[in-house]
């Protein structure tokens, strides 16, 4: 019989394995058009902007929990590839809002189609869990997230 500490370590090991798989998936290309692909990380940024029509670069950073610099690099890359454009905010001359181009919307739709299949599969598989089990998993993941936030915060101080 496992001790509580062994059970926690086994669960954390599973999360690390899933994180590794997720990182591999994030690098996989998603076909948009015949000769156009976008990475999963890029398309997640496209998705966030497509769903939130008032996003700025700083909002991208907050949404994904990444640095302003990393968000700026992603936004610049997506603008250069033709997926995004910056438009001056009508309410503030100094602010720019991010919007999807026609190509950006095609990438959004390609991801939505792919994501829809994955989400349907996950909902089907996780429907076997009781609400309290799902709540427990959510609390578990929150705890891991807080430890990661602390580690990232410490790194920023160095």
N, C-alpha and C. Protein backbone atom coordinates (compact mmCIF):
# COMPACT_ATOMS: atom_id res chain seq x y z
N UNK A 1 0.83 -1.17 0.00
CA UNK A 1 0.00 0.00 0.00
C UNK A 1 0.89 1.25 0.00
N UNK A 2 0.57 2.20 -0.89
CA UNK A 2 1.36 3.42 -1.01
C UNK A 2 1.07 4.38 0.13
N UNK A 3 2.11 5.08 0.52
CA UNK A 3 1.91 6.14 1.50
C UNK A 3 1.35 7.36 0.76
N UNK A 4 0.87 8.32 1.52
CA UNK A 4 0.34 9.55 0.91
C UNK A 4 1.43 10.24 0.08
N UNK A 5 2.66 10.31 0.63
CA UNK A 5 3.75 10.96 -0.09
C UNK A 5 4.04 10.25 -1.41
N UNK A 6 4.05 8.92 -1.41
CA UNK A 6 4.28 8.16 -2.64
C UNK A 6 3.16 8.41 -3.65
N UNK A 7 1.92 8.49 -3.17
CA UNK A 7 0.78 8.75 -4.05
C UNK A 7 0.89 10.14 -4.68
N UNK A 8 1.30 11.11 -3.88
CA UNK A 8 1.47 12.47 -4.39
C UNK A 8 2.57 12.50 -5.44
N UNK A 9 3.70 11.84 -5.14
CA UNK A 9 4.80 11.79 -6.11
C UNK A 9 4.36 11.12 -7.41
N UNK A 10 3.58 10.07 -7.32
CA UNK A 10 3.10 9.37 -8.53
C UNK A 10 2.18 10.28 -9.34
N UNK A 11 1.33 11.02 -8.66
CA UNK A 11 0.42 11.95 -9.35
C UNK A 11 1.22 13.07 -10.03
N UNK A 12 2.22 13.60 -9.33
CA UNK A 12 3.06 14.66 -9.91
C UNK A 12 3.83 14.12 -11.11
N UNK A 13 4.30 12.89 -11.01
CA UNK A 13 5.00 12.27 -12.14
C UNK A 13 4.07 12.20 -13.36
N UNK A 14 2.81 11.85 -13.14
CA UNK A 14 1.84 11.82 -14.24
C UNK A 14 1.68 13.20 -14.86
N UNK A 15 1.60 14.22 -14.02
CA UNK A 15 1.46 15.59 -14.52
C UNK A 15 2.69 15.96 -15.35
N UNK A 16 3.87 15.58 -14.91
CA UNK A 16 5.09 15.89 -15.67
C UNK A 16 5.08 15.17 -17.02
N UNK A 17 4.63 13.93 -17.04
CA UNK A 17 4.54 13.19 -18.31
C UNK A 17 3.56 13.88 -19.25
N UNK A 18 2.41 14.31 -18.70
CA UNK A 18 1.41 15.01 -19.52
C UNK A 18 1.97 16.34 -20.01
N UNK A 19 2.70 17.05 -19.15
CA UNK A 19 3.31 18.33 -19.56
C UNK A 19 4.29 18.12 -20.70
N UNK A 20 5.05 17.05 -20.65
CA UNK A 20 5.98 16.73 -21.74
C UNK A 20 5.24 16.45 -23.04
N UNK A 21 4.17 15.69 -22.95
CA UNK A 21 3.36 15.41 -24.15
C UNK A 21 2.73 16.69 -24.68
N UNK A 22 2.26 17.52 -23.77
CA UNK A 22 1.65 18.78 -24.16
C UNK A 22 2.66 19.66 -24.88
N UNK A 23 3.89 19.69 -24.38
CA UNK A 23 4.95 20.48 -25.02
C UNK A 23 5.21 19.97 -26.43
N UNK A 24 5.19 18.65 -26.61
CA UNK A 24 5.37 18.08 -27.96
C UNK A 24 4.22 18.46 -28.86
N UNK A 25 3.00 18.43 -28.34
CA UNK A 25 1.83 18.81 -29.13
C UNK A 25 1.90 20.27 -29.51
N UNK A 26 2.37 21.12 -28.60
CA UNK A 26 2.48 22.56 -28.87
C UNK A 26 3.40 22.84 -30.06
N UNK A 27 4.35 21.95 -30.32
CA UNK A 27 5.27 22.15 -31.44
C UNK A 27 4.74 21.58 -32.76
N UNK A 28 3.64 20.85 -32.70
CA UNK A 28 3.10 20.24 -33.92
C UNK A 28 2.44 21.28 -34.82
N UNK A 29 2.69 21.19 -36.13
CA UNK A 29 2.07 22.15 -37.05
C UNK A 29 0.60 21.82 -37.29
N UNK A 30 -0.17 22.87 -37.50
CA UNK A 30 -1.59 22.72 -37.84
C UNK A 30 -1.76 23.30 -39.24
N UNK A 31 -2.23 22.48 -40.19
CA UNK A 31 -2.41 23.01 -41.55
C UNK A 31 -3.57 24.00 -41.60
N UNK A 32 -3.32 25.15 -42.24
CA UNK A 32 -4.33 26.18 -42.40
C UNK A 32 -4.82 26.18 -43.84
N UNK A 33 -3.86 26.24 -44.76
CA UNK A 33 -4.11 26.18 -46.20
C UNK A 33 -3.11 25.20 -46.78
N UNK A 34 -3.13 25.06 -48.08
CA UNK A 34 -2.25 24.11 -48.75
C UNK A 34 -0.79 24.29 -48.36
N UNK A 35 -0.30 25.52 -48.36
CA UNK A 35 1.12 25.78 -48.06
C UNK A 35 1.32 26.58 -46.79
N UNK A 36 0.30 26.65 -45.93
CA UNK A 36 0.39 27.45 -44.71
C UNK A 36 0.11 26.58 -43.51
N UNK A 37 1.06 26.59 -42.57
CA UNK A 37 0.86 25.89 -41.30
C UNK A 37 1.13 26.87 -40.17
N UNK A 38 0.61 26.53 -39.01
CA UNK A 38 0.82 27.34 -37.82
C UNK A 38 1.11 26.37 -36.68
N UNK A 39 1.97 26.77 -35.75
CA UNK A 39 2.24 25.89 -34.61
C UNK A 39 1.06 25.95 -33.64
N UNK A 40 0.96 24.96 -32.81
CA UNK A 40 -0.12 24.93 -31.83
C UNK A 40 -0.01 26.12 -30.88
N UNK A 41 1.21 26.47 -30.47
CA UNK A 41 1.39 27.62 -29.58
C UNK A 41 0.91 28.89 -30.27
N UNK A 42 1.24 29.03 -31.56
CA UNK A 42 0.79 30.21 -32.30
C UNK A 42 -0.73 30.24 -32.43
N UNK A 43 -1.31 29.09 -32.73
CA UNK A 43 -2.76 29.06 -32.95
C UNK A 43 -3.52 29.29 -31.65
N UNK A 44 -2.92 28.95 -30.51
CA UNK A 44 -3.59 29.25 -29.24
C UNK A 44 -3.64 30.76 -29.02
N UNK A 45 -2.60 31.47 -29.45
CA UNK A 45 -2.62 32.93 -29.38
C UNK A 45 -3.68 33.47 -30.33
N UNK A 46 -3.74 32.92 -31.53
CA UNK A 46 -4.75 33.31 -32.51
C UNK A 46 -6.15 33.07 -31.94
N UNK A 47 -6.33 31.93 -31.31
CA UNK A 47 -7.63 31.59 -30.71
C UNK A 47 -8.01 32.61 -29.64
N UNK A 48 -7.08 32.93 -28.76
CA UNK A 48 -7.36 33.87 -27.68
C UNK A 48 -7.76 35.24 -28.24
N UNK A 49 -7.07 35.69 -29.25
CA UNK A 49 -7.37 36.99 -29.85
C UNK A 49 -8.70 36.94 -30.61
N UNK A 50 -8.96 35.84 -31.29
CA UNK A 50 -10.22 35.68 -32.00
C UNK A 50 -11.42 35.66 -31.08
N UNK A 51 -11.25 35.11 -29.90
CA UNK A 51 -12.35 35.04 -28.93
C UNK A 51 -12.47 36.30 -28.08
N UNK A 52 -11.43 37.12 -28.04
CA UNK A 52 -11.41 38.34 -27.22
C UNK A 52 -10.99 39.50 -28.11
N UNK A 53 -11.94 40.13 -28.73
CA UNK A 53 -11.65 41.12 -29.77
C UNK A 53 -11.03 42.42 -29.26
N UNK A 54 -10.81 42.55 -27.98
CA UNK A 54 -10.22 43.79 -27.46
C UNK A 54 -8.83 43.54 -26.86
N UNK A 55 -8.17 42.47 -27.25
CA UNK A 55 -6.87 42.13 -26.65
C UNK A 55 -5.75 43.04 -27.14
N UNK A 56 -4.86 43.34 -26.20
CA UNK A 56 -3.61 44.03 -26.48
C UNK A 56 -2.48 43.04 -26.18
N UNK A 57 -1.27 43.41 -26.53
CA UNK A 57 -0.13 42.53 -26.25
C UNK A 57 -0.03 42.17 -24.77
N UNK A 58 -0.25 43.15 -23.91
CA UNK A 58 -0.18 42.91 -22.47
C UNK A 58 -1.27 41.94 -22.01
N UNK A 59 -2.41 41.96 -22.70
CA UNK A 59 -3.49 41.03 -22.37
C UNK A 59 -3.12 39.60 -22.76
N UNK A 60 -2.37 39.46 -23.86
CA UNK A 60 -1.89 38.14 -24.28
C UNK A 60 -0.98 37.57 -23.20
N UNK A 61 -0.09 38.41 -22.67
CA UNK A 61 0.82 37.97 -21.60
C UNK A 61 0.03 37.50 -20.38
N UNK A 62 -0.94 38.29 -19.96
CA UNK A 62 -1.74 37.92 -18.79
C UNK A 62 -2.57 36.67 -19.05
N UNK A 63 -3.14 36.55 -20.22
CA UNK A 63 -4.00 35.42 -20.57
C UNK A 63 -3.24 34.09 -20.47
N UNK A 64 -1.99 34.09 -20.96
CA UNK A 64 -1.21 32.85 -20.98
C UNK A 64 -0.25 32.72 -19.81
N UNK A 65 -0.17 33.76 -18.96
CA UNK A 65 0.75 33.69 -17.83
C UNK A 65 2.20 33.70 -18.27
N UNK A 66 2.49 34.48 -19.31
CA UNK A 66 3.86 34.57 -19.83
C UNK A 66 4.35 36.01 -19.69
N UNK A 67 5.63 36.21 -19.93
CA UNK A 67 6.18 37.56 -19.81
C UNK A 67 5.67 38.45 -20.95
N UNK A 68 5.72 39.76 -20.72
CA UNK A 68 5.33 40.72 -21.76
C UNK A 68 6.23 40.55 -22.98
N UNK A 69 7.51 40.27 -22.73
CA UNK A 69 8.47 40.09 -23.82
C UNK A 69 8.11 38.88 -24.68
N UNK A 70 7.77 37.76 -24.03
CA UNK A 70 7.40 36.55 -24.77
C UNK A 70 6.11 36.79 -25.57
N UNK A 71 5.16 37.50 -24.97
CA UNK A 71 3.92 37.80 -25.67
C UNK A 71 4.20 38.71 -26.86
N UNK A 72 5.05 39.69 -26.66
CA UNK A 72 5.40 40.62 -27.74
C UNK A 72 6.06 39.89 -28.90
N UNK A 73 6.95 38.95 -28.59
CA UNK A 73 7.61 38.17 -29.63
C UNK A 73 6.60 37.33 -30.41
N UNK A 74 5.67 36.71 -29.69
CA UNK A 74 4.65 35.89 -30.36
C UNK A 74 3.78 36.75 -31.26
N UNK A 75 3.33 37.89 -30.74
CA UNK A 75 2.48 38.79 -31.51
C UNK A 75 3.23 39.28 -32.75
N UNK A 76 4.48 39.67 -32.58
CA UNK A 76 5.28 40.14 -33.73
C UNK A 76 5.42 39.05 -34.78
N UNK A 77 5.68 37.83 -34.33
CA UNK A 77 5.81 36.70 -35.26
C UNK A 77 4.51 36.48 -36.03
N UNK A 78 3.37 36.55 -35.33
CA UNK A 78 2.08 36.32 -35.98
C UNK A 78 1.71 37.46 -36.93
N UNK A 79 2.12 38.67 -36.61
CA UNK A 79 1.91 39.80 -37.53
C UNK A 79 2.75 39.59 -38.79
N UNK A 80 4.03 39.22 -38.60
CA UNK A 80 4.93 39.00 -39.74
C UNK A 80 4.44 37.89 -40.65
N UNK A 81 3.81 36.87 -40.07
CA UNK A 81 3.29 35.75 -40.87
C UNK A 81 1.94 36.05 -41.50
N UNK A 82 1.34 37.19 -41.12
CA UNK A 82 0.08 37.59 -41.73
C UNK A 82 -1.17 37.09 -41.02
N UNK A 83 -1.04 36.61 -39.79
CA UNK A 83 -2.20 36.11 -39.05
C UNK A 83 -2.89 37.20 -38.23
N UNK A 84 -2.11 38.20 -37.80
CA UNK A 84 -2.63 39.27 -36.95
C UNK A 84 -2.32 40.63 -37.55
N UNK A 85 -3.08 41.61 -37.07
CA UNK A 85 -2.74 42.99 -37.36
C UNK A 85 -3.04 43.82 -36.11
N UNK A 86 -2.32 44.92 -36.00
CA UNK A 86 -2.55 45.86 -34.91
C UNK A 86 -3.44 46.97 -35.44
N UNK A 87 -4.44 47.34 -34.65
CA UNK A 87 -5.30 48.47 -35.00
C UNK A 87 -5.33 49.41 -33.82
N UNK A 88 -5.23 50.69 -34.11
CA UNK A 88 -5.29 51.70 -33.07
C UNK A 88 -6.64 51.64 -32.37
N UNK A 89 -6.63 51.71 -31.06
CA UNK A 89 -7.86 51.69 -30.28
C UNK A 89 -8.65 52.97 -30.53
N UNK A 90 -9.95 52.85 -30.78
CA UNK A 90 -10.74 54.06 -31.02
C UNK A 90 -10.86 54.95 -29.77
N UNK A 91 -10.69 54.35 -28.61
CA UNK A 91 -10.86 55.12 -27.36
C UNK A 91 -9.56 55.69 -26.81
N UNK A 92 -8.40 55.19 -27.31
CA UNK A 92 -7.12 55.64 -26.78
C UNK A 92 -6.08 55.60 -27.91
N UNK A 93 -5.61 56.74 -28.32
CA UNK A 93 -4.66 56.85 -29.44
C UNK A 93 -3.35 56.10 -29.20
N UNK A 94 -2.98 55.90 -27.94
CA UNK A 94 -1.71 55.25 -27.63
C UNK A 94 -1.81 53.73 -27.60
N UNK A 95 -3.04 53.21 -27.57
CA UNK A 95 -3.25 51.77 -27.47
C UNK A 95 -3.50 51.14 -28.83
N UNK A 96 -3.01 49.90 -28.96
CA UNK A 96 -3.28 49.12 -30.15
C UNK A 96 -4.02 47.85 -29.74
N UNK A 97 -5.02 47.51 -30.49
CA UNK A 97 -5.77 46.26 -30.30
C UNK A 97 -5.32 45.28 -31.36
N UNK A 98 -5.32 44.02 -31.02
CA UNK A 98 -4.94 42.98 -31.96
C UNK A 98 -6.20 42.40 -32.60
N UNK A 99 -6.15 42.21 -33.90
CA UNK A 99 -7.27 41.60 -34.61
C UNK A 99 -6.72 40.54 -35.56
N UNK A 100 -7.57 39.60 -35.90
CA UNK A 100 -7.18 38.56 -36.84
C UNK A 100 -7.37 39.06 -38.27
N UNK A 101 -6.45 38.66 -39.12
CA UNK A 101 -6.60 38.90 -40.55
C UNK A 101 -7.46 37.77 -41.12
N UNK A 102 -7.72 37.82 -42.40
CA UNK A 102 -8.47 36.73 -43.04
C UNK A 102 -7.74 35.40 -42.83
N UNK A 103 -6.40 35.42 -43.01
CA UNK A 103 -5.60 34.21 -42.78
C UNK A 103 -5.69 33.79 -41.31
N UNK A 104 -5.69 34.75 -40.40
CA UNK A 104 -5.83 34.44 -38.98
C UNK A 104 -7.15 33.74 -38.68
N UNK A 105 -8.22 34.20 -39.31
CA UNK A 105 -9.52 33.55 -39.11
C UNK A 105 -9.53 32.14 -39.68
N UNK A 106 -8.82 31.91 -40.78
CA UNK A 106 -8.74 30.54 -41.32
C UNK A 106 -7.98 29.64 -40.36
N UNK A 107 -6.91 30.17 -39.76
CA UNK A 107 -6.16 29.40 -38.75
C UNK A 107 -7.04 29.12 -37.54
N UNK A 108 -7.80 30.12 -37.12
CA UNK A 108 -8.73 29.98 -35.99
C UNK A 108 -9.71 28.83 -36.27
N UNK A 109 -10.28 28.82 -37.46
CA UNK A 109 -11.26 27.79 -37.83
C UNK A 109 -10.61 26.41 -37.93
N UNK A 110 -9.39 26.34 -38.48
CA UNK A 110 -8.68 25.05 -38.57
C UNK A 110 -8.44 24.48 -37.17
N UNK A 111 -8.02 25.34 -36.26
CA UNK A 111 -7.79 24.91 -34.88
C UNK A 111 -9.09 24.53 -34.19
N UNK A 112 -10.12 25.31 -34.43
CA UNK A 112 -11.42 25.04 -33.82
C UNK A 112 -11.92 23.65 -34.22
N UNK A 113 -11.72 23.30 -35.47
CA UNK A 113 -12.14 21.98 -35.95
C UNK A 113 -11.35 20.87 -35.25
N UNK A 114 -10.04 21.06 -35.16
CA UNK A 114 -9.17 20.09 -34.50
C UNK A 114 -9.46 20.04 -33.00
N UNK A 115 -9.57 21.22 -32.39
CA UNK A 115 -9.81 21.33 -30.95
C UNK A 115 -11.16 20.74 -30.58
N UNK A 116 -12.16 20.94 -31.43
CA UNK A 116 -13.50 20.42 -31.16
C UNK A 116 -13.49 18.91 -30.98
N UNK A 117 -12.72 18.21 -31.82
CA UNK A 117 -12.63 16.76 -31.70
C UNK A 117 -11.99 16.36 -30.38
N UNK A 118 -10.88 17.03 -30.03
CA UNK A 118 -10.20 16.73 -28.77
C UNK A 118 -11.10 17.03 -27.57
N UNK A 119 -11.79 18.16 -27.61
CA UNK A 119 -12.65 18.55 -26.49
C UNK A 119 -13.80 17.55 -26.32
N UNK A 120 -14.38 17.12 -27.42
CA UNK A 120 -15.46 16.13 -27.36
C UNK A 120 -14.95 14.84 -26.72
N UNK A 121 -13.76 14.41 -27.12
CA UNK A 121 -13.16 13.20 -26.57
C UNK A 121 -12.90 13.36 -25.07
N UNK A 122 -12.35 14.51 -24.67
CA UNK A 122 -12.08 14.75 -23.24
C UNK A 122 -13.36 14.78 -22.42
N UNK A 123 -14.36 15.48 -22.91
CA UNK A 123 -15.63 15.56 -22.18
C UNK A 123 -16.23 14.16 -22.03
N UNK A 124 -16.15 13.36 -23.08
CA UNK A 124 -16.68 11.99 -23.01
C UNK A 124 -15.93 11.19 -21.94
N UNK A 125 -14.62 11.27 -21.97
CA UNK A 125 -13.81 10.51 -21.01
C UNK A 125 -13.99 11.01 -19.57
N UNK A 126 -14.07 12.32 -19.40
CA UNK A 126 -14.14 12.89 -18.05
C UNK A 126 -15.56 12.89 -17.48
N UNK A 127 -16.54 12.60 -18.30
CA UNK A 127 -17.93 12.54 -17.81
C UNK A 127 -18.14 11.40 -16.82
N UNK A 128 -17.23 10.46 -16.81
CA UNK A 128 -17.33 9.35 -15.85
C UNK A 128 -16.95 9.80 -14.44
N UNK A 129 -16.30 10.96 -14.32
CA UNK A 129 -15.90 11.49 -13.02
C UNK A 129 -17.09 12.18 -12.35
N UNK A 130 -17.16 12.06 -11.04
CA UNK A 130 -18.19 12.79 -10.30
C UNK A 130 -17.78 14.25 -10.18
N UNK A 131 -18.73 15.15 -9.93
CA UNK A 131 -18.36 16.56 -9.75
C UNK A 131 -17.31 16.75 -8.65
N UNK A 132 -17.39 15.97 -7.56
CA UNK A 132 -16.40 16.14 -6.49
C UNK A 132 -15.02 15.66 -6.94
N UNK A 133 -14.96 14.64 -7.79
CA UNK A 133 -13.67 14.20 -8.31
C UNK A 133 -13.06 15.26 -9.22
N UNK A 134 -13.87 15.87 -10.04
CA UNK A 134 -13.39 16.93 -10.92
C UNK A 134 -12.91 18.11 -10.09
N UNK A 135 -13.64 18.44 -9.04
CA UNK A 135 -13.22 19.52 -8.15
C UNK A 135 -11.89 19.20 -7.49
N UNK A 136 -11.69 17.94 -7.08
CA UNK A 136 -10.44 17.53 -6.47
C UNK A 136 -9.28 17.67 -7.46
N UNK A 137 -9.50 17.23 -8.69
CA UNK A 137 -8.46 17.37 -9.71
C UNK A 137 -8.13 18.84 -9.94
N UNK A 138 -9.16 19.68 -9.99
CA UNK A 138 -8.95 21.11 -10.19
C UNK A 138 -8.13 21.70 -9.05
N UNK A 139 -8.43 21.33 -7.81
CA UNK A 139 -7.65 21.81 -6.66
C UNK A 139 -6.21 21.31 -6.72
N UNK A 140 -6.03 20.08 -7.13
CA UNK A 140 -4.70 19.49 -7.29
C UNK A 140 -3.89 20.29 -8.31
N UNK A 141 -4.50 20.57 -9.46
CA UNK A 141 -3.82 21.31 -10.51
C UNK A 141 -3.55 22.75 -10.07
N UNK A 142 -4.47 23.35 -9.33
CA UNK A 142 -4.26 24.70 -8.79
C UNK A 142 -3.03 24.73 -7.88
N UNK A 143 -2.89 23.71 -7.04
CA UNK A 143 -1.74 23.64 -6.13
C UNK A 143 -0.44 23.57 -6.92
N UNK A 144 -0.41 22.75 -7.95
CA UNK A 144 0.78 22.65 -8.80
C UNK A 144 1.05 23.99 -9.48
N UNK A 145 -0.01 24.62 -9.96
CA UNK A 145 0.13 25.92 -10.62
C UNK A 145 0.71 26.97 -9.70
N UNK A 146 0.29 26.97 -8.43
CA UNK A 146 0.82 27.94 -7.47
C UNK A 146 2.31 27.73 -7.22
N UNK A 147 2.73 26.47 -7.11
CA UNK A 147 4.15 26.18 -6.91
C UNK A 147 4.95 26.64 -8.13
N UNK A 148 4.39 26.40 -9.32
CA UNK A 148 5.07 26.86 -10.55
C UNK A 148 5.14 28.38 -10.61
N UNK A 149 4.06 29.06 -10.22
CA UNK A 149 4.06 30.52 -10.18
C UNK A 149 5.15 31.03 -9.24
N UNK A 150 5.29 30.40 -8.08
CA UNK A 150 6.32 30.80 -7.12
C UNK A 150 7.71 30.62 -7.71
N UNK A 151 7.93 29.48 -8.39
CA UNK A 151 9.24 29.21 -9.01
C UNK A 151 9.54 30.25 -10.07
N UNK A 152 8.55 30.55 -10.90
CA UNK A 152 8.74 31.55 -11.96
C UNK A 152 8.98 32.92 -11.39
N UNK A 153 8.30 33.24 -10.29
CA UNK A 153 8.48 34.53 -9.63
C UNK A 153 9.88 34.64 -9.06
N UNK A 154 10.39 33.58 -8.47
CA UNK A 154 11.75 33.56 -7.92
C UNK A 154 12.78 33.74 -9.03
N UNK A 155 12.54 33.12 -10.18
CA UNK A 155 13.46 33.22 -11.30
C UNK A 155 13.54 34.66 -11.79
N UNK A 156 12.42 35.36 -11.78
CA UNK A 156 12.38 36.74 -12.23
C UNK A 156 13.15 37.68 -11.30
N UNK A 157 13.36 37.27 -10.05
CA UNK A 157 14.08 38.10 -9.08
C UNK A 157 15.59 37.97 -9.19
N UNK A 158 16.03 36.92 -9.86
CA UNK A 158 17.48 36.66 -9.93
C UNK A 158 18.17 37.54 -10.93
